[in-house]
Amino acid sequence: MSTILTKLHRWHRYRQTVRELAALSNHQLSDLGLTRGQIESVARRAVQA
């Protein structure tokens, strides 16, 4: 049961991170050293950390 809850929690954190980064302007992403193409991989790494 805890495995399912852990996966659901990680999925929620992943989607929230993607939403927040996608809401930023290209300039704001650039200030963070990111491009739009990197958003999903950054979100995946954030969930695993």
N, C-alpha and C. Protein backbone atom coordinates (compact mmCIF):
# COMPACT_ATOMS: atom_id res chain seq x y z
N MET A 1 0.81 -1.20 0.00
CA MET A 1 0.00 0.00 0.00
C MET A 1 0.85 1.26 0.00
N SER A 2 1.91 1.28 0.78
CA SER A 2 2.74 2.47 0.84
C SER A 2 3.44 2.73 -0.49
N THR A 3 3.71 1.69 -1.25
CA THR A 3 4.34 1.87 -2.56
C THR A 3 3.41 2.64 -3.49
N ILE A 4 2.15 2.31 -3.48
CA ILE A 4 1.17 3.01 -4.31
C ILE A 4 1.07 4.47 -3.88
N LEU A 5 1.01 4.70 -2.59
CA LEU A 5 0.92 6.07 -2.08
C LEU A 5 2.18 6.86 -2.43
N THR A 6 3.32 6.23 -2.34
CA THR A 6 4.58 6.89 -2.69
C THR A 6 4.58 7.27 -4.16
N LYS A 7 4.14 6.37 -5.02
CA LYS A 7 4.10 6.66 -6.45
C LYS A 7 3.12 7.77 -6.77
N LEU A 8 1.95 7.75 -6.12
CA LEU A 8 0.97 8.81 -6.33
C LEU A 8 1.50 10.16 -5.86
N HIS A 9 2.18 10.17 -4.74
CA HIS A 9 2.76 11.41 -4.22
C HIS A 9 3.83 11.94 -5.18
N ARG A 10 4.67 11.06 -5.68
CA ARG A 10 5.71 11.48 -6.64
C ARG A 10 5.09 12.01 -7.93
N TRP A 11 4.05 11.35 -8.41
CA TRP A 11 3.37 11.80 -9.63
C TRP A 11 2.78 13.19 -9.42
N HIS A 12 2.16 13.41 -8.27
CA HIS A 12 1.60 14.71 -7.96
C HIS A 12 2.70 15.78 -7.92
N ARG A 13 3.81 15.48 -7.27
CA ARG A 13 4.93 16.43 -7.20
C ARG A 13 5.49 16.71 -8.58
N TYR A 14 5.60 15.66 -9.42
CA TYR A 14 6.09 15.82 -10.78
C TYR A 14 5.18 16.76 -11.57
N ARG A 15 3.86 16.51 -11.56
CA ARG A 15 2.91 17.34 -12.31
C ARG A 15 2.91 18.78 -11.80
N GLN A 16 3.00 18.96 -10.49
CA GLN A 16 3.04 20.30 -9.92
C GLN A 16 4.30 21.04 -10.37
N THR A 17 5.42 20.37 -10.38
CA THR A 17 6.67 20.99 -10.82
C THR A 17 6.59 21.37 -12.29
N VAL A 18 6.07 20.48 -13.13
CA VAL A 18 5.91 20.78 -14.55
C VAL A 18 5.00 21.99 -14.73
N ARG A 19 3.88 22.02 -14.02
CA ARG A 19 2.94 23.16 -14.12
C ARG A 19 3.61 24.47 -13.74
N GLU A 20 4.35 24.45 -12.64
CA GLU A 20 4.98 25.68 -12.17
C GLU A 20 6.06 26.16 -13.13
N LEU A 21 6.86 25.25 -13.63
CA LEU A 21 7.91 25.65 -14.56
C LEU A 21 7.32 26.10 -15.90
N ALA A 22 6.29 25.42 -16.35
CA ALA A 22 5.66 25.77 -17.63
C ALA A 22 5.00 27.14 -17.56
N ALA A 23 4.61 27.58 -16.37
CA ALA A 23 3.96 28.88 -16.21
C ALA A 23 4.96 30.04 -16.30
N LEU A 24 6.24 29.74 -16.18
CA LEU A 24 7.26 30.78 -16.25
C LEU A 24 7.46 31.23 -17.69
N SER A 25 7.90 32.46 -17.85
CA SER A 25 8.22 32.96 -19.18
C SER A 25 9.56 32.38 -19.63
N ASN A 26 9.84 32.48 -20.91
CA ASN A 26 11.13 32.00 -21.42
C ASN A 26 12.28 32.73 -20.75
N HIS A 27 12.09 34.01 -20.48
CA HIS A 27 13.14 34.80 -19.83
C HIS A 27 13.39 34.29 -18.41
N GLN A 28 12.32 33.99 -17.68
CA GLN A 28 12.46 33.48 -16.32
C GLN A 28 13.14 32.11 -16.33
N LEU A 29 12.76 31.27 -17.27
CA LEU A 29 13.41 29.96 -17.38
C LEU A 29 14.89 30.13 -17.68
N SER A 30 15.20 31.06 -18.58
CA SER A 30 16.59 31.33 -18.93
C SER A 30 17.39 31.79 -17.71
N ASP A 31 16.77 32.61 -16.87
CA ASP A 31 17.43 33.06 -15.64
C ASP A 31 17.78 31.88 -14.74
N LEU A 32 16.98 30.82 -14.82
CA LEU A 32 17.24 29.61 -14.03
C LEU A 32 18.19 28.65 -14.74
N GLY A 33 18.57 29.01 -15.97
CA GLY A 33 19.46 28.15 -16.74
C GLY A 33 18.73 27.01 -17.42
N LEU A 34 17.43 27.20 -17.69
CA LEU A 34 16.61 26.15 -18.28
C LEU A 34 15.99 26.59 -19.59
N THR A 35 15.62 25.60 -20.39
CA THR A 35 14.82 25.84 -21.58
C THR A 35 13.52 25.07 -21.42
N ARG A 36 12.54 25.37 -22.24
CA ARG A 36 11.25 24.67 -22.16
C ARG A 36 11.44 23.16 -22.37
N GLY A 37 12.37 22.79 -23.22
CA GLY A 37 12.60 21.38 -23.49
C GLY A 37 13.15 20.60 -22.31
N GLN A 38 13.63 21.29 -21.31
CA GLN A 38 14.21 20.64 -20.14
C GLN A 38 13.23 20.48 -18.98
N ILE A 39 12.06 21.07 -19.10
CA ILE A 39 11.12 21.09 -17.97
C ILE A 39 10.79 19.70 -17.46
N GLU A 40 10.45 18.78 -18.34
CA GLU A 40 10.05 17.44 -17.88
C GLU A 40 11.20 16.69 -17.23
N SER A 41 12.40 16.81 -17.78
CA SER A 41 13.53 16.09 -17.16
C SER A 41 13.90 16.70 -15.82
N VAL A 42 13.80 18.01 -15.70
CA VAL A 42 14.07 18.68 -14.42
C VAL A 42 13.03 18.23 -13.38
N ALA A 43 11.78 18.16 -13.80
CA ALA A 43 10.72 17.73 -12.89
C ALA A 43 10.95 16.28 -12.44
N ARG A 44 11.36 15.42 -13.36
CA ARG A 44 11.64 14.02 -12.99
C ARG A 44 12.75 13.95 -11.94
N ARG A 45 13.81 14.72 -12.17
CA ARG A 45 14.92 14.73 -11.20
C ARG A 45 14.47 15.28 -9.86
N ALA A 46 13.62 16.28 -9.86
CA ALA A 46 13.14 16.87 -8.60
C ALA A 46 12.35 15.85 -7.79
N VAL A 47 11.60 15.00 -8.44
CA VAL A 47 10.80 14.00 -7.76
C VAL A 47 11.70 12.91 -7.16
N GLN A 48 12.77 12.58 -7.82
CA GLN A 48 13.64 11.52 -7.35
C GLN A 48 14.55 11.97 -6.22
N ALA A 49 14.72 13.27 -6.07
CA ALA A 49 15.63 13.79 -5.05
C ALA A 49 15.06 13.67 -3.66
